[in-house]
Protein backbone atom coordinates (compact mmCIF):
# COMPACT_ATOMS: atom_id res chain seq x y z
CA MET A 1 147.88 46.79 78.93
CA LYS A 2 145.48 49.50 77.70
CA LYS A 3 142.74 46.94 77.06
CA ILE A 4 143.17 45.48 80.54
CA GLU A 5 143.12 48.95 82.12
CA ASN A 6 140.01 49.99 80.18
CA LYS A 7 138.26 46.77 81.15
CA ARG A 8 139.15 47.37 84.81
CA LYS A 9 137.66 50.90 84.66
CA GLU A 10 134.47 49.58 83.06
CA THR A 11 134.18 46.93 85.80
CA ILE A 12 134.62 49.52 88.56
CA LYS A 13 132.01 51.75 86.90
CA GLU A 14 129.50 48.89 86.69
CA ILE A 15 130.03 48.02 90.37
CA ALA A 16 129.51 51.66 91.37
CA GLN A 17 126.28 51.88 89.33
CA ASP A 18 124.99 48.66 90.94
CA ASP A 19 125.63 50.10 94.42
CA VAL A 20 123.75 53.28 93.51
CA GLU A 21 120.77 51.30 92.25
CA GLU A 22 120.69 49.17 95.40
CA THR A 23 120.87 52.15 97.77
CA ARG A 24 118.37 54.26 95.81
CA ARG A 25 115.11 54.54 97.74
CA LYS A 26 112.37 52.32 96.42
CA HIS A 27 109.34 54.48 97.29
CA LYS A 28 108.18 57.58 99.06
CA VAL A 29 106.79 57.12 102.55
CA THR A 30 103.04 57.73 102.33
CA VAL A 31 99.88 56.82 104.21
CA ASP A 32 99.36 53.84 101.91
CA THR A 33 102.99 52.70 102.27
CA PRO A 34 104.03 53.70 105.80
CA ASP A 35 106.60 50.95 106.20
CA ALA A 36 110.03 52.15 105.20
CA THR A 37 113.66 51.86 106.13
CA LEU A 38 115.47 54.27 108.43
CA VAL A 39 117.25 55.80 105.44
CA GLU A 40 113.94 56.53 103.72
CA HIS A 41 112.51 58.17 106.85
CA LEU A 42 115.67 60.28 107.20
CA ASP A 43 115.38 61.25 103.55
CA ASP A 44 111.82 62.45 104.13
CA LEU A 45 112.94 64.32 107.25
CA ARG A 46 115.70 66.00 105.28
CA GLY A 47 113.17 67.15 102.68
CA THR A 48 110.92 68.50 105.42
CA LEU A 49 113.78 70.42 107.02
CA ILE A 50 114.82 71.86 103.66
CA LYS A 51 111.29 73.12 102.98
CA THR A 52 111.17 74.56 106.51
CA VAL A 53 114.44 76.46 106.06
CA VAL A 54 113.45 77.74 102.61
CA THR A 55 110.10 78.98 103.93
CA PHE A 56 111.74 80.76 106.86
CA VAL A 57 114.39 82.37 104.63
CA LEU A 58 111.74 83.66 102.22
CA PHE A 59 109.73 85.27 105.04
CA PHE A 60 112.93 86.60 106.63
CA MET A 61 113.99 88.32 103.41
CA LEU A 62 110.48 89.66 102.79
CA ILE A 63 110.30 91.22 106.26
CA PHE A 64 113.89 92.47 106.20
CA LEU A 65 113.41 94.27 102.88
CA THR A 66 110.06 95.86 103.81
CA ILE A 67 110.42 96.58 107.55
CA GLN A 68 111.14 100.28 107.02
CA TYR A 69 107.72 100.71 105.40
CA TRP A 70 105.40 98.94 107.87
CA PHE A 71 107.25 99.30 111.20
CA PRO A 72 106.02 102.90 111.81
CA TYR A 73 102.45 101.55 111.91
CA LEU A 74 103.39 99.06 114.65
CA THR A 75 104.87 101.74 116.90
CA LYS A 76 101.45 103.46 117.19
CA GLY A 77 103.13 106.88 117.43
CA HIS A 78 105.49 106.02 120.28
CA ASP A 79 108.87 107.77 120.26
CA LEU A 80 111.61 105.15 119.95
CA ILE A 81 115.39 105.52 119.81
CA VAL A 82 118.43 103.55 118.68
CA ARG A 83 121.83 103.84 120.36
CA GLY A 84 124.05 103.45 117.34
CA PRO A 85 124.28 102.26 113.72
CA PHE A 86 125.00 98.65 114.69
CA GLU A 87 121.83 98.54 116.77
CA VAL A 88 119.82 99.34 113.64
CA ILE A 89 121.03 96.26 111.80
CA ARG A 90 120.67 94.13 114.93
CA PHE A 91 117.10 95.33 115.28
CA TYR A 92 116.31 94.55 111.64
CA ILE A 93 117.82 91.07 111.88
CA ARG A 94 116.18 90.14 115.21
CA THR A 95 112.79 91.49 114.14
CA SER A 96 112.94 89.75 110.77
CA GLY A 97 113.95 86.50 112.47
CA ALA A 98 111.20 86.62 115.09
CA LEU A 99 108.44 87.57 112.66
CA GLY A 100 109.80 85.16 110.06
CA ILE A 101 109.41 82.29 112.50
CA GLY A 102 105.91 83.44 113.45
CA LEU A 103 104.69 83.78 109.85
CA SER A 104 106.27 80.53 108.69
CA LEU A 105 104.98 78.57 111.71
CA PRO A 106 101.70 77.45 110.02
CA PHE A 107 103.64 76.20 107.00
CA ILE A 108 106.21 74.47 109.23
CA CYS A 109 103.42 72.73 111.15
CA TYR A 110 101.92 71.59 107.85
CA PHE A 111 105.26 70.25 106.59
CA PHE A 112 105.86 68.27 109.78
CA TRP A 113 102.28 67.02 109.78
CA GLN A 114 102.87 65.68 106.26
CA PHE A 115 106.05 64.00 107.54
CA MET A 116 104.31 62.39 110.56
CA ARG A 117 101.08 61.57 108.75
CA PRO A 118 102.08 58.03 107.66
CA GLY A 119 102.69 57.13 111.31
CA LEU A 120 99.35 58.47 112.56
CA VAL A 121 96.21 56.41 112.81
CA GLU A 122 93.21 57.45 110.73
CA LYS A 123 91.44 58.91 113.76
CA GLU A 124 94.27 61.32 114.56
CA THR A 125 94.74 62.26 110.90
CA GLN A 126 91.04 63.04 110.47
CA PHE A 127 91.04 65.24 113.58
CA LEU A 128 94.03 67.31 112.44
CA LYS A 129 92.61 67.74 108.95
CA SER A 130 89.23 68.87 110.32
CA TYR A 131 90.49 71.30 112.95
CA PHE A 132 93.54 72.81 111.22
CA PRO A 133 91.57 75.85 109.91
CA LEU A 134 90.18 76.43 113.41
CA MET A 135 93.70 76.23 114.87
CA PHE A 136 94.84 78.95 112.48
CA LEU A 137 91.84 81.18 113.28
CA LEU A 138 92.38 80.77 117.03
CA PHE A 139 96.05 81.65 116.58
CA LEU A 140 95.09 84.87 114.76
CA ALA A 141 92.49 85.63 117.44
CA GLY A 142 95.14 85.24 120.15
CA LEU A 143 97.53 87.54 118.32
CA SER A 144 94.79 90.14 117.82
CA PHE A 145 93.83 89.98 121.50
CA GLY A 146 97.45 90.48 122.53
CA TYR A 147 98.08 93.30 120.06
CA PHE A 148 94.89 95.32 120.55
CA VAL A 149 94.19 94.65 124.25
CA VAL A 150 97.12 93.31 126.28
CA HIS A 151 99.98 95.18 124.58
CA PRO A 152 98.63 98.76 124.78
CA ILE A 153 97.42 98.33 128.38
CA SER A 154 100.70 96.72 129.48
CA TYR A 155 102.86 99.26 127.66
CA PHE A 156 100.92 102.24 129.04
CA PHE A 157 101.05 100.87 132.59
CA LEU A 158 104.80 100.21 132.56
CA ILE A 159 105.64 103.55 130.94
CA GLN A 160 103.45 105.44 133.42
CA MET A 161 105.06 103.60 136.32
CA GLY A 162 108.56 104.40 135.03
CA GLU A 163 107.86 108.08 134.37
CA ARG A 164 107.18 108.66 138.06
CA ASN A 165 110.88 108.40 138.85
CA PHE A 166 112.77 108.24 135.53
CA ASP A 167 113.08 109.76 132.09
CA VAL A 168 111.90 106.80 130.05
CA LEU A 169 113.61 106.24 126.71
CA VAL A 170 112.48 103.14 124.84
CA THR A 171 114.72 101.65 122.15
CA ALA A 172 113.25 100.13 119.02
CA ASP A 173 114.69 96.73 119.95
CA GLU A 174 113.15 96.81 123.45
CA TYR A 175 109.78 97.90 122.06
CA MET A 176 109.70 95.08 119.52
CA SER A 177 110.75 92.52 122.12
CA PHE A 178 107.95 93.68 124.42
CA LEU A 179 105.47 93.63 121.53
CA LEU A 180 106.33 90.01 120.68
CA LEU A 181 106.22 89.01 124.35
CA SER A 182 102.76 90.48 124.81
CA THR A 183 101.25 89.01 121.62
CA MET A 184 102.86 85.70 120.58
CA PRO A 185 102.07 83.77 123.82
CA PHE A 186 98.37 84.48 123.37
CA GLY A 187 98.41 82.94 119.91
CA LEU A 188 99.53 79.71 121.60
CA ILE A 189 97.28 80.03 124.66
CA PHE A 190 94.23 80.39 122.42
CA GLN A 191 94.93 76.85 121.16
CA LEU A 192 93.60 75.51 124.47
CA PRO A 193 90.23 74.34 123.04
CA ILE A 194 92.00 72.41 120.27
CA VAL A 195 94.32 70.70 122.76
CA VAL A 196 91.37 69.74 124.96
CA LEU A 197 89.36 68.45 121.99
CA PHE A 198 92.30 66.38 120.79
CA LEU A 199 92.80 64.80 124.23
CA HIS A 200 89.09 64.01 124.31
CA TYR A 201 89.23 62.68 120.76
CA ILE A 202 91.89 60.12 121.69
CA GLU A 203 89.93 59.30 124.87
CA LEU A 204 92.36 60.74 127.42
CA LEU A 205 90.04 63.45 128.73
CA ASP A 206 86.32 63.87 129.44
CA SER A 207 84.07 66.58 130.81
CA THR A 208 83.90 65.00 134.27
CA LEU A 209 87.68 65.07 134.65
CA MET A 210 87.84 68.61 133.27
CA ARG A 211 85.38 69.83 135.88
CA ALA A 212 87.29 68.00 138.61
CA ILE A 213 90.61 69.65 137.76
CA ARG A 214 89.10 73.05 136.97
CA LYS A 215 90.61 74.81 140.00
CA TYR A 216 94.09 73.49 139.21
CA VAL A 217 93.78 74.61 135.59
CA TYR A 218 92.64 78.06 136.70
CA PHE A 219 95.60 78.33 139.05
CA GLY A 220 97.98 77.41 136.23
CA LEU A 221 96.39 79.99 133.92
CA ILE A 222 96.73 82.66 136.62
CA VAL A 223 100.43 81.84 136.99
CA ILE A 224 100.97 82.01 133.22
CA THR A 225 99.15 85.34 133.07
CA ALA A 226 101.29 86.74 135.89
CA LEU A 227 104.39 85.96 133.84
CA ILE A 228 103.26 87.67 130.63
CA ALA A 229 101.21 90.60 131.96
CA PRO A 230 101.92 93.54 134.32
CA PRO A 231 101.23 92.94 138.02
CA ASP A 232 98.37 95.42 138.32
CA PHE A 233 95.00 93.88 139.13
CA PHE A 234 93.03 95.43 136.25
CA THR A 235 95.33 94.23 133.47
CA HIS A 236 95.61 90.82 135.13
CA ILE A 237 91.82 90.39 135.09
CA ILE A 238 91.56 91.46 131.45
CA THR A 239 94.28 88.99 130.46
CA VAL A 240 93.15 85.95 132.42
CA THR A 241 89.40 86.24 131.73
CA PRO A 242 89.58 85.01 128.08
CA MET A 243 91.59 81.99 129.26
CA PHE A 244 88.87 81.02 131.75
CA ILE A 245 86.24 81.51 129.07
CA LEU A 246 88.17 79.31 126.61
CA TYR A 247 88.44 76.54 129.19
CA GLU A 248 84.71 76.69 129.97
CA ILE A 249 83.93 76.64 126.24
CA SER A 250 86.15 73.56 125.93
CA ILE A 251 84.19 71.79 128.67
CA TYR A 252 80.91 72.70 126.95
CA ILE A 253 82.11 71.39 123.57
CA VAL A 254 83.34 68.14 125.13
CA ARG A 255 79.96 67.64 126.84
CA ILE A 256 78.18 68.12 123.51
CA ARG A 257 80.42 65.53 121.87
CA GLU A 258 79.80 63.09 124.71
CA ARG A 259 76.02 63.50 124.39
CA ARG A 260 76.20 62.89 120.65
CA ALA A 261 78.30 59.77 121.24
CA LEU A 262 75.75 58.47 123.75
CA LYS A 263 72.88 59.08 121.32
CA LYS A 264 74.72 57.20 118.58
CA ALA A 265 75.44 54.33 120.96
CA ASP A 266 71.77 54.14 122.00
CA ALA A 267 70.61 54.30 118.39
CA SER A 268 72.97 51.46 117.41
CA GLN A 269 71.77 49.31 120.33
CA LYS A 270 68.10 49.85 119.40
CA SER A 271 68.80 48.97 115.77
CA GLU A 272 70.42 45.71 116.88
């Protein structure tokens, strides 16, 4: 009986090992081997999500443990209040979460680009590789514009308007929320040239079409600015002007690329 039972256990163990070997993924999904099963794609997605969560947690902990040292520099001397001990921890957690997402965003974009890369054609991959540094610089430029230009003007205007009829007391949580609202959107808006270049790169947009829809784009930018900036005319002009300039720069860059493409086409025809 013992021999039969031991033999049965060995048989079950062999069957289990065979199943593990059959279900084990054969290869990693790469550009050279983009074809894979659904399980392999899900496995890659799981790895991407794990790296994303780990990156966010690291930035969250870094900000949470150091916020008491650098936050006074962000307040620029403004008097802020908290309404209780629980609001302090809520402020630390919300601020660490928001800034953690912002700081980890470039890494998250890189992780997901690595995940989607096998499914992209060479043309799209080459564009993203070439313009990724410029995307990061434009994002920093947008944040700087929001922090040094839009935020102080907006904050001063709203505080001055409130002090006419009220005793204005600003909590730390409200100040940080307003700071993020007046800076983070500009980091995304300053990506407009990259979006336009990508649409032109995949042949969905040209300079003629961009000039034709210019007034509609300007109207959309004015609406977006009205949502993220105070309603006074001066601040509105300061905020919307860089957006118009970015769009005009995008048209100019697309025209240059079109001229170069025409020259290459003419040169190839002459050589033939």
